[in-house]
């Protein structure tokens, strides 16, 4: 998987767990992007974990070495529409 890659939370978790398929694909990537929402989900999970400091440090390191994409108004609107359909 070369080129540009947008990761979701599950892929980042797999990467952190050293999933060989994910690691192999991302090693070939030119750029890796992570949405700020996915980053927030990772921080949330870290705060609920038994290794808070270690997990927060791991996420911080990952965030600074990749491009974090922010949200805009259009993203927020879509989120609101999707969220209203979620029980």
C-alpha atoms as a PDB file:
ATOM      1  CA  UNK A   1       0.000   0.000   0.000  1.00  0.00           C
ATOM      2  CA  UNK A   2       2.149   2.841  -1.218  1.00  0.00           C
ATOM      3  CA  UNK A   3       1.158   6.425  -1.691  1.00  0.00           C
ATOM      4  CA  UNK A   4      -1.090   8.274   0.705  1.00  0.00           C
ATOM      5  CA  UNK A   5      -3.010   6.427   3.403  1.00  0.00           C
ATOM      6  CA  UNK A   6      -5.855   7.605   5.634  1.00  0.00           C
ATOM      7  CA  UNK A   7      -6.089   5.458   8.752  1.00  0.00           C
ATOM      8  CA  UNK A   8      -9.069   4.780  10.948  1.00  0.00           C
ATOM      9  CA  UNK A   9      -8.915   3.915  14.627  1.00  0.00           C
ATOM     10  CA  UNK A  10      -8.996   0.148  14.058  1.00  0.00           C
ATOM     11  CA  UNK A  11      -6.024   0.242  11.692  1.00  0.00           C
ATOM     12  CA  UNK A  12      -3.977   2.326  14.136  1.00  0.00           C
ATOM     13  CA  UNK A  13      -4.798  -0.138  16.923  1.00  0.00           C
ATOM     14  CA  UNK A  14      -3.696  -2.991  14.641  1.00  0.00           C
ATOM     15  CA  UNK A  15      -0.505  -1.078  13.896  1.00  0.00           C
ATOM     16  CA  UNK A  16       0.143  -0.575  17.624  1.00  0.00           C
ATOM     17  CA  UNK A  17      -0.422  -4.326  18.104  1.00  0.00           C
ATOM     18  CA  UNK A  18       2.241  -4.985  15.438  1.00  0.00           C
ATOM     19  CA  UNK A  19      -0.185  -6.628  12.994  1.00  0.00           C
ATOM     20  CA  UNK A  20       2.286  -7.757  10.337  1.00  0.00           C
ATOM     21  CA  UNK A  21      -0.002  -7.073   7.363  1.00  0.00           C
ATOM     22  CA  UNK A  22      -0.717  -3.517   8.529  1.00  0.00           C
ATOM     23  CA  UNK A  23       2.919  -2.819   9.394  1.00  0.00           C
ATOM     24  CA  UNK A  24       4.077  -4.117   6.010  1.00  0.00           C
ATOM     25  CA  UNK A  25       1.602  -1.975   4.070  1.00  0.00           C
ATOM     26  CA  UNK A  26       2.319   1.177   6.040  1.00  0.00           C
ATOM     27  CA  UNK A  27       6.086   0.725   5.776  1.00  0.00           C
ATOM     28  CA  UNK A  28       5.641   1.341   2.036  1.00  0.00           C
ATOM     29  CA  UNK A  29       3.445   4.425   2.482  1.00  0.00           C
ATOM     30  CA  UNK A  30       4.710   7.799   1.352  1.00  0.00           C
ATOM     31  CA  UNK A  31       2.357   9.669   3.686  1.00  0.00           C
ATOM     32  CA  UNK A  32       0.073   8.584   6.501  1.00  0.00           C
ATOM     33  CA  UNK A  33      -2.915  10.636   7.618  1.00  0.00           C
ATOM     34  CA  UNK A  34      -5.061  10.215  10.698  1.00  0.00           C
ATOM     35  CA  UNK A  35      -8.300  12.096  11.316  1.00  0.00           C
ATOM     36  CA  UNK A  36      -8.398  14.068  14.554  1.00  0.00           C
ATOM     37  CA  UNK A  37     -11.542  12.132  15.512  1.00  0.00           C
ATOM     38  CA  UNK A  38      -9.642   8.829  15.296  1.00  0.00           C
ATOM     39  CA  UNK A  39      -6.859  10.354  17.363  1.00  0.00           C
ATOM     40  CA  UNK A  40      -9.433  11.384  19.968  1.00  0.00           C
ATOM     41  CA  UNK A  41     -10.772   7.832  20.072  1.00  0.00           C
ATOM     42  CA  UNK A  42      -7.250   6.551  20.669  1.00  0.00           C
ATOM     43  CA  UNK A  43      -6.688   9.018  23.525  1.00  0.00           C
ATOM     44  CA  UNK A  44     -10.042   8.016  25.026  1.00  0.00           C
ATOM     45  CA  UNK A  45      -9.024   4.360  24.910  1.00  0.00           C
ATOM     46  CA  UNK A  46      -5.645   5.158  26.451  1.00  0.00           C
ATOM     47  CA  UNK A  47      -7.283   6.920  29.394  1.00  0.00           C
ATOM     48  CA  UNK A  48      -9.453   3.850  30.009  1.00  0.00           C
ATOM     49  CA  UNK A  49      -6.524   1.443  29.797  1.00  0.00           C
ATOM     50  CA  UNK A  50      -4.380  -0.032  32.514  1.00  0.00           C
ATOM     51  CA  UNK A  51      -1.255   1.586  31.039  1.00  0.00           C
ATOM     52  CA  UNK A  52      -2.360   5.182  30.637  1.00  0.00           C
ATOM     53  CA  UNK A  53       1.061   6.881  30.552  1.00  0.00           C
ATOM     54  CA  UNK A  54       2.602   4.371  28.162  1.00  0.00           C
ATOM     55  CA  UNK A  55      -0.358   4.419  25.801  1.00  0.00           C
ATOM     56  CA  UNK A  56      -0.595   8.224  25.788  1.00  0.00           C
ATOM     57  CA  UNK A  57       3.116   8.452  24.982  1.00  0.00           C
ATOM     58  CA  UNK A  58       2.720   5.945  22.146  1.00  0.00           C
ATOM     59  CA  UNK A  59      -0.172   7.926  20.663  1.00  0.00           C
ATOM     60  CA  UNK A  60       1.720  11.220  21.041  1.00  0.00           C
ATOM     61  CA  UNK A  61       4.712   9.768  19.201  1.00  0.00           C
ATOM     62  CA  UNK A  62       2.467   8.439  16.433  1.00  0.00           C
ATOM     63  CA  UNK A  63       0.649  11.768  16.079  1.00  0.00           C
ATOM     64  CA  UNK A  64       3.797  13.851  15.648  1.00  0.00           C
ATOM     65  CA  UNK A  65       5.231  11.499  13.028  1.00  0.00           C
ATOM     66  CA  UNK A  66       2.102  11.561  10.819  1.00  0.00           C
ATOM     67  CA  UNK A  67      -0.304  14.137   9.431  1.00  0.00           C
ATOM     68  CA  UNK A  68      -3.325  14.752  11.682  1.00  0.00           C
ATOM     69  CA  UNK A  69      -6.358  15.969   9.737  1.00  0.00           C
ATOM     70  CA  UNK A  70      -8.677  18.410  11.450  1.00  0.00           C
ATOM     71  CA  UNK A  71     -12.418  18.725  11.103  1.00  0.00           C
ATOM     72  CA  UNK A  72     -14.269  21.405   9.226  1.00  0.00           C
ATOM     73  CA  UNK A  73     -17.903  22.475   9.230  1.00  0.00           C
ATOM     74  CA  UNK A  74     -18.861  19.965   6.564  1.00  0.00           C
ATOM     75  CA  UNK A  75     -17.316  17.136   8.576  1.00  0.00           C
ATOM     76  CA  UNK A  76     -19.175  18.256  11.689  1.00  0.00           C
ATOM     77  CA  UNK A  77     -22.481  18.321   9.797  1.00  0.00           C
ATOM     78  CA  UNK A  78     -21.960  14.807   8.470  1.00  0.00           C
ATOM     79  CA  UNK A  79     -21.050  13.641  11.954  1.00  0.00           C
ATOM     80  CA  UNK A  80     -24.293  15.095  13.315  1.00  0.00           C
ATOM     81  CA  UNK A  81     -26.335  13.361  10.623  1.00  0.00           C
ATOM     82  CA  UNK A  82     -24.670  10.016  11.221  1.00  0.00           C
ATOM     83  CA  UNK A  83     -24.806  10.309  15.007  1.00  0.00           C
ATOM     84  CA  UNK A  84     -28.570  10.945  15.032  1.00  0.00           C
ATOM     85  CA  UNK A  85     -29.032   7.517  13.401  1.00  0.00           C
ATOM     86  CA  UNK A  86     -26.908   5.768  16.013  1.00  0.00           C
ATOM     87  CA  UNK A  87     -28.758   4.389  19.053  1.00  0.00           C
END
